[in-house]
Amino acid sequence: MQKIISTTTFWVLLIASLASQAQTKVLKLTIDAEIDPRMNRYVDLGLTAAKNGNYDVVFIEMDTYGGLVSDAKDIVEMILDFKKPVYVWINKDAASAGALISIACDSIYMAPGASIGAATVVTQQGEAAPDKYQSYMRATMRTTAEQTGRNPAIAEAMVDQSIAIPGITEEGKVLTFTTSEAIKNGFCEAKASSIKEILTANYKDGYTIDEFSPGIIEEIVAIFLSPYLSGLLLMIIIGGIYFELQTPGVGFPILAAITAAILYFVPYYLTGLAANWELVLFIVGLILIGLEVAVIPGFGLAGITGIFFTFSALVLVMLNNDMFDFTFVPFSAIITAITTALTALVASAALMFFGGVKLINSNAFKRVALTSTQQKEAGYTARVHKEPMLHKQGVVHTILRPAGKVQIGDTIYDALTRGNYLEKGEKVVVIGEEGNDLVVRKD
C-alpha cells in the first residue's frame, strides 16, 4: 500500500513540477499609428490570431495621438470581449482614442515620461468637434472605465474640460496624466521601460513572446491601397468599360474592367473604408451608363447621373467618411482621392484617344475580334440585301454610336458609320455594305 501511495505521489509531484515550468505564451501587438479602419482590422486580426494560437496574454505596445472614435470604439469592444488578459504598455503617448483603448485593457503600464489622456474629440483642423461627438466620447470613456474598474469621473475629465476633480484636475483643463500621476490615481499599474521588463516581473523567465504579423495577404491588401496603384486600376476600369462599349461582344475589355474593379474595391472593403452603399452607388452608376448607351436614345440625364455616381463612388471608397460626413476626414486625404480619380480619368481619356486606333489595328486585337470585311474581290459573293442599297437615302431609326439602325422606305436595316455619332431622325445616305450592315453617312 505504501508503495502505491509513493508512486502516486511521485507522479502528482512530477506533473505539478512540469506545470510550474509551463511557459506563458504572449502575443504582442503594436499600435503606433492613427486609429483608423486599417488599425481596426489589424487589432481584429491580432486578437483572432491570439485566440486561434491559444495565447495566454496579449500585450499592446501603445504610442499614438489618437484617431477616429468609431474605430477606437470597435477596438475597445474587441478587447473587452476577449477572454484572456489584454495588457498595454504606453511607450510614449496614449492620447485621445489611444487613451480610450488603454483604459479598456486589463492592466496599464507606462514608460518613464509617457502620458495618457487628452481625449477631447477634435476635427482635422485641430478644433473641438461639435458637442454630439464630445458627449459620445464622454459616455464611452466613462462606461469603459467602469467596466475595467477605474474611476469613471477621471476618464470623463480626460474629455471634458468643464469637469473639476479636487486634487486631480481643475475646470478649464483637459486631464492628462504623467506616468507617476497615472499610478497614483489608479490608471497605471507600474512604470516600466519595456514589455520584457513587465513580463519578467510577473512571470520570471517562464514566458515566450511572439510579435503579431498580419501575413502576406494583408501586405498585398496594403499594396493595393496605394494611391498610385489605385489610380492605375481606375484607368483600367474606365478604359475597359469604354472599349467594351465601342466594340461590344469582344469580352476582353470588360473582363479587364471587372478584374480591376475587384482589385480596387476589395482592399478598401476589407479595411472598412468602402461601405456597402458606396459599392451600390458604383453599380447603379454603371447600370445608368449602360441604359444610356444601349436603351435610351441620345445622351442625357441618365448618362450624366451614371457618370457622377460612378466617379463619386470611386472617390468615396478612398475616404473614411461617415455617409457624407467628412468632419474627421483629413483635407489632404480628400485632395489625394479626388486627384487620383481625376488623373486616372484624364489618363484613360488620353489612352482612349491615342491608343484606341492602335489597339483595334493590333495583331493581338485581331486574334480576339473579327476586323476584316468579306469583300467581293476576295471571292465572297453571298448577298444579304435583295436589292442594291448603295446611294439610297433614309433616316436614323436609333442613335448610331457608331452602330444602330436606319430606316429606308418602310424597312429597318442594321447600320453603322465610319466613327461619327448620328442622332435619331437625321438623314443619311448609304455609302457601302459590310456584311449585314449598311455603312452610312450624314446626308
Protein backbone atom coordinates (compact mmCIF):
# COMPACT_ATOMS: atom_id res chain seq x y z
CA MET A 1 0.00 0.00 0.00
CA GLN A 2 2.81 2.32 0.92
CA LYS A 3 4.47 1.65 -2.44
CA ILE A 4 1.31 2.56 -4.34
CA ILE A 5 0.91 5.82 -2.41
CA SER A 6 4.56 6.72 -3.04
CA THR A 7 4.20 6.10 -6.80
CA THR A 8 1.05 8.19 -6.97
CA THR A 9 2.69 10.97 -5.03
CA PHE A 10 5.67 10.84 -7.39
CA TRP A 11 3.50 11.33 -10.48
CA VAL A 12 1.50 14.10 -8.84
CA LEU A 13 4.69 15.94 -7.94
CA LEU A 14 6.13 15.39 -11.42
CA ILE A 15 3.01 16.75 -13.15
CA ALA A 16 2.92 19.71 -10.78
CA SER A 17 6.60 20.38 -11.48
CA LEU A 18 6.06 20.27 -15.25
CA ALA A 19 3.02 22.51 -14.94
CA SER A 20 5.02 25.03 -12.95
CA GLN A 21 7.60 25.09 -15.73
CA ALA A 22 4.97 25.67 -18.46
CA GLN A 23 5.70 28.96 -20.15
CA THR A 24 3.14 31.72 -20.57
CA LYS A 25 2.50 32.43 -24.26
CA VAL A 26 2.40 36.16 -25.03
CA LEU A 27 1.38 37.78 -28.32
CA LYS A 28 2.49 41.38 -28.86
CA LEU A 29 0.51 43.88 -30.94
CA THR A 30 1.75 47.37 -31.84
CA ILE A 31 -0.49 50.43 -32.06
CA ASP A 32 1.87 53.17 -33.20
CA ALA A 33 -0.16 54.97 -35.87
CA GLU A 34 -3.51 56.72 -36.31
CA ILE A 35 -6.55 54.81 -35.13
CA ASP A 36 -8.42 54.22 -38.38
CA PRO A 37 -10.04 51.31 -40.27
CA ARG A 38 -6.62 49.84 -41.06
CA MET A 39 -5.67 49.75 -37.37
CA ASN A 40 -9.13 48.45 -36.56
CA ARG A 41 -8.57 45.49 -38.89
CA TYR A 42 -5.02 44.95 -37.59
CA VAL A 43 -6.23 44.59 -33.99
CA ASP A 44 -9.10 42.34 -35.07
CA LEU A 45 -6.69 40.03 -36.91
CA GLY A 46 -4.26 40.12 -33.97
CA LEU A 47 -6.83 39.15 -31.37
CA THR A 48 -8.14 36.41 -33.66
CA ALA A 49 -4.61 35.07 -34.04
CA ALA A 50 -4.19 35.15 -30.24
CA LYS A 51 -7.39 33.17 -29.80
CA ASN A 52 -6.57 30.61 -32.50
CA GLY A 53 -2.98 30.29 -31.27
CA ASN A 54 -4.13 29.72 -27.68
CA TYR A 55 -2.03 32.59 -26.31
CA ASP A 56 -2.33 33.30 -22.59
CA VAL A 57 -1.76 37.06 -22.72
CA VAL A 58 -1.97 39.81 -25.35
CA PHE A 59 0.34 42.78 -24.84
CA ILE A 60 -0.20 46.03 -26.77
CA GLU A 61 2.65 48.49 -27.22
CA MET A 62 0.96 51.88 -27.50
CA ASP A 63 2.22 55.14 -28.99
CA THR A 64 -0.48 57.13 -30.76
CA TYR A 65 -2.04 60.57 -30.72
CA GLY A 66 -5.44 59.03 -31.42
CA GLY A 67 -7.69 58.89 -34.43
CA LEU A 68 -11.28 58.04 -35.25
CA VAL A 69 -13.62 57.49 -32.31
CA SER A 70 -15.71 54.95 -34.24
CA ASP A 71 -12.73 52.70 -34.91
CA ALA A 72 -11.43 53.15 -31.35
CA LYS A 73 -14.84 52.06 -30.05
CA ASP A 74 -14.69 48.93 -32.22
CA ILE A 75 -11.25 48.09 -30.83
CA VAL A 76 -12.46 48.67 -27.25
CA GLU A 77 -15.33 46.24 -27.77
CA MET A 78 -12.93 43.62 -29.17
CA ILE A 79 -10.65 43.97 -26.14
CA LEU A 80 -13.49 43.83 -23.62
CA ASP A 81 -14.94 40.72 -25.32
CA PHE A 82 -11.55 38.95 -25.43
CA LYS A 83 -11.49 36.12 -22.88
CA LYS A 84 -7.77 36.29 -22.00
CA PRO A 85 -5.92 39.19 -20.31
CA VAL A 86 -5.01 42.16 -22.52
CA TYR A 87 -2.29 44.45 -21.16
CA VAL A 88 -0.99 47.71 -22.62
CA TRP A 89 2.42 49.33 -22.30
CA ILE A 90 2.33 53.02 -23.21
CA ASN A 91 5.70 53.67 -24.75
CA LYS A 92 5.24 57.42 -25.19
CA ASP A 93 1.70 58.67 -25.80
CA ALA A 94 -1.82 57.34 -25.41
CA ALA A 95 -3.83 60.39 -26.37
CA SER A 96 -7.50 60.67 -27.33
CA ALA A 97 -8.59 57.37 -28.92
CA GLY A 98 -5.35 55.82 -27.66
CA ALA A 99 -6.36 56.67 -24.07
CA LEU A 100 -9.77 55.05 -24.61
CA ILE A 101 -8.19 51.83 -25.90
CA SER A 102 -5.71 51.79 -23.00
CA ILE A 103 -8.48 52.14 -20.42
CA ALA A 104 -10.21 49.11 -21.95
CA CYS A 105 -7.19 46.90 -21.17
CA ASP A 106 -6.94 44.79 -18.02
CA SER A 107 -3.65 46.38 -16.93
CA ILE A 108 -1.90 49.59 -17.95
CA TYR A 109 1.88 50.06 -17.76
CA MET A 110 3.72 53.23 -18.77
CA ALA A 111 7.27 54.09 -19.72
CA PRO A 112 9.10 56.92 -17.92
CA GLY A 113 7.97 60.20 -19.48
CA ALA A 114 4.83 58.71 -21.06
CA SER A 115 1.36 60.26 -20.87
CA ILE A 116 -2.30 59.25 -21.09
CA GLY A 117 -5.38 61.41 -21.61
CA ALA A 118 -6.33 64.47 -23.70
CA ALA A 119 -9.30 62.64 -25.19
CA THR A 120 -11.25 65.67 -26.42
CA VAL A 121 -12.60 64.95 -29.90
CA VAL A 122 -11.13 67.33 -32.47
CA THR A 123 -11.62 67.85 -36.18
CA GLN A 124 -8.83 67.56 -38.73
CA GLN A 125 -8.33 71.32 -38.39
CA GLY A 126 -7.46 70.86 -34.69
CA GLU A 127 -10.66 72.47 -33.45
CA ALA A 128 -13.03 70.89 -30.92
CA ALA A 129 -15.69 68.80 -32.65
CA PRO A 130 -19.40 69.55 -32.10
CA ASP A 131 -20.85 68.61 -28.73
CA LYS A 132 -22.60 65.49 -30.04
CA TYR A 133 -19.16 63.94 -30.63
CA GLN A 134 -17.88 65.11 -27.23
CA SER A 135 -20.93 63.68 -25.49
CA TYR A 136 -20.44 60.32 -27.20
CA MET A 137 -16.77 60.23 -26.25
CA ARG A 138 -17.52 61.18 -22.61
CA ALA A 139 -20.06 58.39 -22.30
CA THR A 140 -17.73 55.88 -23.94
CA MET A 141 -14.80 56.80 -21.68
CA ARG A 142 -16.99 56.64 -18.59
CA THR A 143 -18.56 53.25 -19.33
CA THR A 144 -15.21 51.74 -20.40
CA ALA A 145 -13.59 52.85 -17.14
CA GLU A 146 -16.48 51.37 -15.17
CA GLN A 147 -16.08 48.02 -16.92
CA THR A 148 -12.35 47.83 -16.12
CA GLY A 149 -12.65 49.03 -12.53
CA ARG A 150 -11.21 52.53 -12.97
CA ASN A 151 -12.58 55.88 -11.82
CA PRO A 152 -15.18 56.93 -14.45
CA ALA A 153 -15.08 60.60 -13.39
CA ILE A 154 -11.34 60.74 -14.14
CA ALA A 155 -11.89 59.08 -17.53
CA GLU A 156 -14.62 61.60 -18.36
CA ALA A 157 -12.37 64.51 -17.28
CA MET A 158 -9.92 63.40 -19.99
CA VAL A 159 -12.58 64.51 -22.48
CA ASP A 160 -14.46 67.36 -20.79
CA GLN A 161 -12.52 70.42 -19.59
CA SER A 162 -15.54 71.60 -17.58
CA ILE A 163 -15.11 68.74 -15.10
CA ALA A 164 -13.18 69.58 -11.93
CA ILE A 165 -11.92 66.86 -9.56
CA PRO A 166 -10.36 68.18 -6.33
CA GLY A 167 -6.67 67.36 -6.09
CA ILE A 168 -6.58 65.94 -9.63
CA THR A 169 -7.76 68.48 -12.19
CA GLU A 170 -9.34 71.91 -12.26
CA GLU A 171 -12.05 73.30 -14.51
CA GLY A 172 -10.87 74.61 -17.86
CA LYS A 173 -8.19 71.94 -18.43
CA VAL A 174 -8.48 68.61 -20.19
CA LEU A 175 -6.95 65.95 -17.97
CA THR A 176 -3.71 64.28 -19.00
CA PHE A 177 -1.71 62.06 -16.62
CA THR A 178 2.04 61.59 -16.48
CA THR A 179 3.28 58.14 -15.51
CA SER A 180 3.52 58.93 -11.80
CA GLU A 181 0.12 60.67 -11.77
CA ALA A 182 -1.50 57.72 -13.54
CA ILE A 183 -0.02 55.31 -10.96
CA LYS A 184 -1.21 57.50 -8.09
CA ASN A 185 -4.79 57.63 -9.45
CA GLY A 186 -5.20 54.01 -10.49
CA PHE A 187 -4.73 54.44 -14.24
CA CYS A 188 -1.37 52.65 -14.34
CA GLU A 189 -0.11 49.54 -12.53
CA ALA A 190 3.59 50.38 -12.69
CA LYS A 191 6.36 52.20 -14.50
CA ALA A 192 8.39 50.03 -16.89
CA SER A 193 10.98 50.60 -19.59
CA SER A 194 9.90 47.66 -21.79
CA ILE A 195 7.37 44.89 -22.16
CA LYS A 196 10.04 42.33 -21.32
CA GLU A 197 10.64 44.08 -18.00
CA ILE A 198 6.92 43.76 -17.19
CA LEU A 199 6.77 40.10 -18.22
CA THR A 200 9.89 39.20 -16.27
CA ALA A 201 8.49 40.85 -13.15
CA ASN A 202 5.22 38.91 -13.48
CA TYR A 203 6.34 35.57 -14.91
CA LYS A 204 10.10 35.49 -14.20
CA ASP A 205 11.57 33.66 -17.20
CA GLY A 206 8.53 31.47 -17.71
CA TYR A 207 7.18 33.14 -20.84
CA THR A 208 7.58 33.26 -24.61
CA ILE A 209 6.70 36.36 -26.63
CA ASP A 210 5.73 36.48 -30.30
CA GLU A 211 5.12 39.60 -32.34
CA PHE A 212 1.99 39.57 -34.46
CA SER A 213 2.49 39.96 -38.20
CA PRO A 214 -0.63 40.23 -40.38
CA GLY A 215 0.70 37.94 -43.12
CA ILE A 216 1.22 38.17 -46.86
CA ILE A 217 -2.46 38.67 -47.72
CA GLU A 218 -2.65 41.79 -45.58
CA GLU A 219 0.60 43.04 -47.08
CA ILE A 220 -0.89 42.62 -50.55
CA VAL A 221 -4.03 44.48 -49.41
CA ALA A 222 -1.82 47.32 -48.15
CA ILE A 223 -0.06 47.49 -51.54
CA PHE A 224 -3.37 47.84 -53.38
CA LEU A 225 -4.34 50.73 -51.09
CA SER A 226 -1.51 52.79 -52.60
CA PRO A 227 -2.89 55.86 -54.46
CA TYR A 228 -0.59 55.08 -57.41
CA LEU A 229 -1.89 51.54 -57.83
CA SER A 230 -5.45 52.71 -57.19
CA GLY A 231 -5.02 55.23 -60.00
CA LEU A 232 -3.78 52.52 -62.37
CA LEU A 233 -6.75 50.29 -61.52
CA LEU A 234 -9.11 53.22 -62.11
CA MET A 235 -7.57 53.69 -65.57
CA ILE A 236 -8.22 50.03 -66.39
CA ILE A 237 -11.82 50.24 -65.10
CA ILE A 238 -12.65 53.36 -67.14
CA GLY A 239 -10.73 52.25 -70.23
CA GLY A 240 -12.16 48.73 -70.15
CA ILE A 241 -15.73 50.00 -69.97
CA TYR A 242 -15.10 52.46 -72.82
CA PHE A 243 -13.51 49.91 -75.19
CA GLU A 244 -16.21 47.34 -74.46
CA LEU A 245 -18.89 49.89 -75.39
CA GLN A 246 -17.02 50.67 -78.59
CA THR A 247 -16.53 47.01 -79.53
CA PRO A 248 -19.40 45.12 -77.86
CA GLY A 249 -19.06 41.36 -77.68
CA VAL A 250 -15.26 41.22 -77.61
CA GLY A 251 -15.26 40.48 -73.87
CA PHE A 252 -11.63 41.20 -73.01
CA PRO A 253 -12.03 44.93 -72.18
CA ILE A 254 -14.98 44.37 -69.84
CA LEU A 255 -13.21 41.38 -68.24
CA ALA A 256 -10.20 43.62 -67.56
CA ALA A 257 -12.50 46.30 -66.11
CA ILE A 258 -14.26 43.81 -63.82
CA THR A 259 -10.96 42.37 -62.60
CA ALA A 260 -9.59 45.86 -61.93
CA ALA A 261 -12.80 46.81 -60.09
CA ILE A 262 -12.47 43.77 -57.82
CA LEU A 263 -8.82 44.55 -57.08
CA TYR A 264 -9.77 48.18 -56.45
CA PHE A 265 -12.79 47.72 -54.17
CA VAL A 266 -11.90 44.58 -52.16
CA PRO A 267 -8.86 46.05 -50.27
CA TYR A 268 -10.87 49.15 -49.32
CA TYR A 269 -13.80 46.97 -48.27
CA LEU A 270 -11.63 44.69 -46.12
CA THR A 271 -10.15 47.67 -44.28
CA GLY A 272 -13.59 49.17 -43.69
CA LEU A 273 -13.14 52.18 -45.98
CA ALA A 274 -15.56 51.01 -48.68
CA ALA A 275 -19.10 50.90 -47.31
CA ASN A 276 -21.89 48.81 -48.83
CA TRP A 277 -23.76 51.90 -50.01
CA GLU A 278 -20.67 53.10 -51.90
CA LEU A 279 -20.48 49.79 -53.75
CA VAL A 280 -24.19 50.06 -54.56
CA LEU A 281 -23.62 53.63 -55.80
CA PHE A 282 -20.91 52.38 -58.18
CA ILE A 283 -23.10 49.57 -59.54
CA VAL A 284 -26.09 51.88 -60.01
CA GLY A 285 -23.83 54.31 -61.88
CA LEU A 286 -22.71 51.55 -64.26
CA ILE A 287 -26.31 50.46 -64.84
CA LEU A 288 -27.36 54.02 -65.71
CA ILE A 289 -24.45 54.37 -68.14
CA GLY A 290 -25.37 51.02 -69.73
CA LEU A 291 -29.01 52.08 -70.12
CA GLU A 292 -27.94 55.36 -71.69
CA VAL A 293 -25.75 53.58 -74.20
CA ALA A 294 -27.96 50.61 -75.09
CA VAL A 295 -31.56 51.67 -74.46
CA ILE A 296 -32.14 55.41 -74.08
CA PRO A 297 -31.58 57.43 -77.27
CA GLY A 298 -29.23 60.40 -77.03
CA PHE A 299 -27.13 61.25 -74.02
CA GLY A 300 -28.96 62.94 -71.19
CA LEU A 301 -29.84 62.76 -67.52
CA ALA A 302 -29.29 59.00 -67.08
CA GLY A 303 -25.81 59.11 -68.60
CA ILE A 304 -24.72 62.20 -66.68
CA THR A 305 -26.11 60.79 -63.41
CA GLY A 306 -24.41 57.46 -64.07
CA ILE A 307 -21.04 59.11 -64.63
CA PHE A 308 -21.48 61.21 -61.47
CA PHE A 309 -22.46 58.17 -59.36
CA THR A 310 -19.60 56.07 -60.69
CA PHE A 311 -16.96 58.77 -60.22
CA SER A 312 -18.28 59.66 -56.75
CA ALA A 313 -18.15 56.02 -55.62
CA LEU A 314 -14.56 55.64 -56.85
CA VAL A 315 -13.56 58.69 -54.80
CA LEU A 316 -15.61 57.95 -51.68
CA VAL A 317 -14.21 54.44 -51.16
CA MET A 318 -10.79 56.02 -50.60
CA LEU A 319 -12.14 58.20 -47.76
CA ASN A 320 -13.16 57.22 -44.25
CA ASN A 321 -16.34 59.29 -44.28
CA ASP A 322 -19.50 58.53 -42.36
CA MET A 323 -22.02 58.67 -45.20
CA PHE A 324 -21.35 62.26 -46.35
CA ASP A 325 -19.94 63.46 -43.01
CA PHE A 326 -16.33 64.48 -43.62
CA THR A 327 -15.75 66.03 -40.18
CA PHE A 328 -12.88 63.67 -39.32
CA VAL A 329 -11.53 63.13 -42.82
CA PRO A 330 -8.22 64.98 -43.40
CA PHE A 331 -8.47 67.59 -46.13
CA SER A 332 -5.26 66.19 -47.62
CA ALA A 333 -6.93 62.77 -47.94
CA ILE A 334 -9.86 64.33 -49.83
CA ILE A 335 -7.48 66.11 -52.21
CA THR A 336 -5.48 62.90 -52.74
CA ALA A 337 -8.62 60.88 -53.53
CA ILE A 338 -10.01 63.44 -55.99
CA THR A 339 -6.60 63.95 -57.64
CA THR A 340 -6.12 60.19 -58.03
CA ALA A 341 -9.53 59.74 -59.65
CA LEU A 342 -9.18 62.77 -61.94
CA THR A 343 -5.67 61.76 -63.00
CA ALA A 344 -6.93 58.28 -63.85
CA LEU A 345 -9.85 59.78 -65.80
CA VAL A 346 -7.59 62.10 -67.84
CA ALA A 347 -5.04 59.33 -68.43
CA SER A 348 -7.80 56.97 -69.55
CA ALA A 349 -9.15 59.60 -71.97
CA ALA A 350 -5.68 60.07 -73.41
CA LEU A 351 -5.26 56.31 -73.72
CA MET A 352 -8.62 56.04 -75.49
CA PHE A 353 -7.78 58.86 -77.88
CA PHE A 354 -4.23 57.89 -78.77
CA GLY A 355 -4.32 54.16 -78.13
CA GLY A 356 -7.76 53.21 -79.41
CA VAL A 357 -6.81 53.07 -83.07
CA LYS A 358 -3.56 51.22 -82.36
CA LEU A 359 -5.42 48.66 -80.24
CA ILE A 360 -8.02 47.96 -82.91
CA ASN A 361 -5.31 47.58 -85.58
CA SER A 362 -3.02 45.46 -83.40
CA ASN A 363 -2.42 41.75 -84.07
CA ALA A 364 -3.50 40.91 -80.51
CA PHE A 365 -6.89 42.57 -81.04
CA LYS A 366 -7.34 40.85 -84.41
CA ARG A 367 -6.87 37.48 -82.73
CA VAL A 368 -9.93 38.03 -80.49
CA ALA A 369 -12.16 40.09 -82.82
CA LEU A 370 -13.11 39.97 -86.48
CA THR A 371 -11.87 43.21 -88.01
CA SER A 372 -11.81 42.36 -91.71
CA THR A 373 -14.68 42.57 -94.21
CA GLN A 374 -15.60 39.91 -96.73
CA GLN A 375 -15.16 41.79 -99.99
CA LYS A 376 -16.35 40.64 -103.40
CA GLU A 377 -12.81 40.95 -104.73
CA ALA A 378 -11.74 38.27 -102.26
CA GLY A 379 -14.29 35.80 -103.62
CA TYR A 380 -17.23 36.41 -101.29
CA THR A 381 -20.43 36.51 -103.33
CA ALA A 382 -23.22 35.96 -100.79
CA ARG A 383 -25.68 38.80 -100.88
CA VAL A 384 -27.50 39.88 -97.75
CA HIS A 385 -29.81 42.51 -99.21
CA LYS A 386 -32.16 41.65 -102.06
CA GLU A 387 -31.59 44.90 -103.94
CA PRO A 388 -28.67 47.30 -104.38
CA MET A 389 -28.50 49.66 -101.43
CA LEU A 390 -25.65 51.95 -102.47
CA HIS A 391 -26.60 55.64 -102.56
CA LYS A 392 -30.07 55.00 -101.11
CA GLN A 393 -31.33 57.60 -98.67
CA GLY A 394 -33.03 57.09 -95.32
CA VAL A 395 -33.23 58.34 -91.74
CA VAL A 396 -31.62 57.25 -88.47
CA HIS A 397 -34.07 54.98 -86.63
CA THR A 398 -31.97 54.53 -83.43
CA ILE A 399 -28.95 56.58 -82.50
CA LEU A 400 -25.80 55.49 -84.35
CA ARG A 401 -22.79 55.41 -81.99
CA PRO A 402 -21.46 54.29 -84.45
CA ALA A 403 -23.72 51.21 -84.81
CA GLY A 404 -27.51 51.22 -84.72
CA LYS A 405 -30.44 51.09 -87.14
CA VAL A 406 -31.66 53.16 -90.07
CA GLN A 407 -34.96 53.21 -91.92
CA ILE A 408 -35.01 53.21 -95.72
CA GLY A 409 -38.51 53.29 -97.10
CA ASP A 410 -40.59 51.02 -94.87
CA THR A 411 -37.70 48.70 -93.91
CA ILE A 412 -35.38 48.86 -90.89
CA TYR A 413 -31.71 47.94 -91.51
CA ASP A 414 -28.68 47.44 -89.27
CA ALA A 415 -26.22 50.22 -89.99
CA LEU A 416 -23.02 51.84 -88.85
CA THR A 417 -21.00 54.95 -89.56
CA ARG A 418 -17.27 55.47 -90.02
CA GLY A 419 -17.00 56.65 -86.42
CA ASN A 420 -19.42 59.57 -86.33
CA TYR A 421 -22.38 59.67 -83.93
CA LEU A 422 -25.73 60.42 -85.58
CA GLU A 423 -28.91 61.25 -83.69
CA LYS A 424 -32.32 59.71 -84.32
CA GLY A 425 -34.17 61.37 -87.21
CA GLU A 426 -31.09 62.61 -89.09
CA LYS A 427 -31.00 61.96 -92.83
CA VAL A 428 -28.37 59.50 -94.11
CA VAL A 429 -27.15 58.04 -97.36
CA VAL A 430 -25.73 54.54 -97.90
CA ILE A 431 -22.07 54.56 -98.93
CA GLY A 432 -21.31 50.84 -98.63
CA GLU A 433 -22.12 47.45 -97.15
CA GLU A 434 -20.24 45.40 -94.55
CA GLY A 435 -21.83 42.00 -94.03
CA ASN A 436 -25.35 42.56 -92.70
CA ASP A 437 -24.69 46.23 -92.01
CA LEU A 438 -25.16 49.22 -94.23
CA VAL A 439 -22.42 51.82 -94.00
CA VAL A 440 -23.98 55.27 -93.93
CA ARG A 441 -23.01 58.91 -93.59
CA LYS A 442 -24.95 62.07 -92.86
CA ASP A 443 -26.79 63.23 -95.95
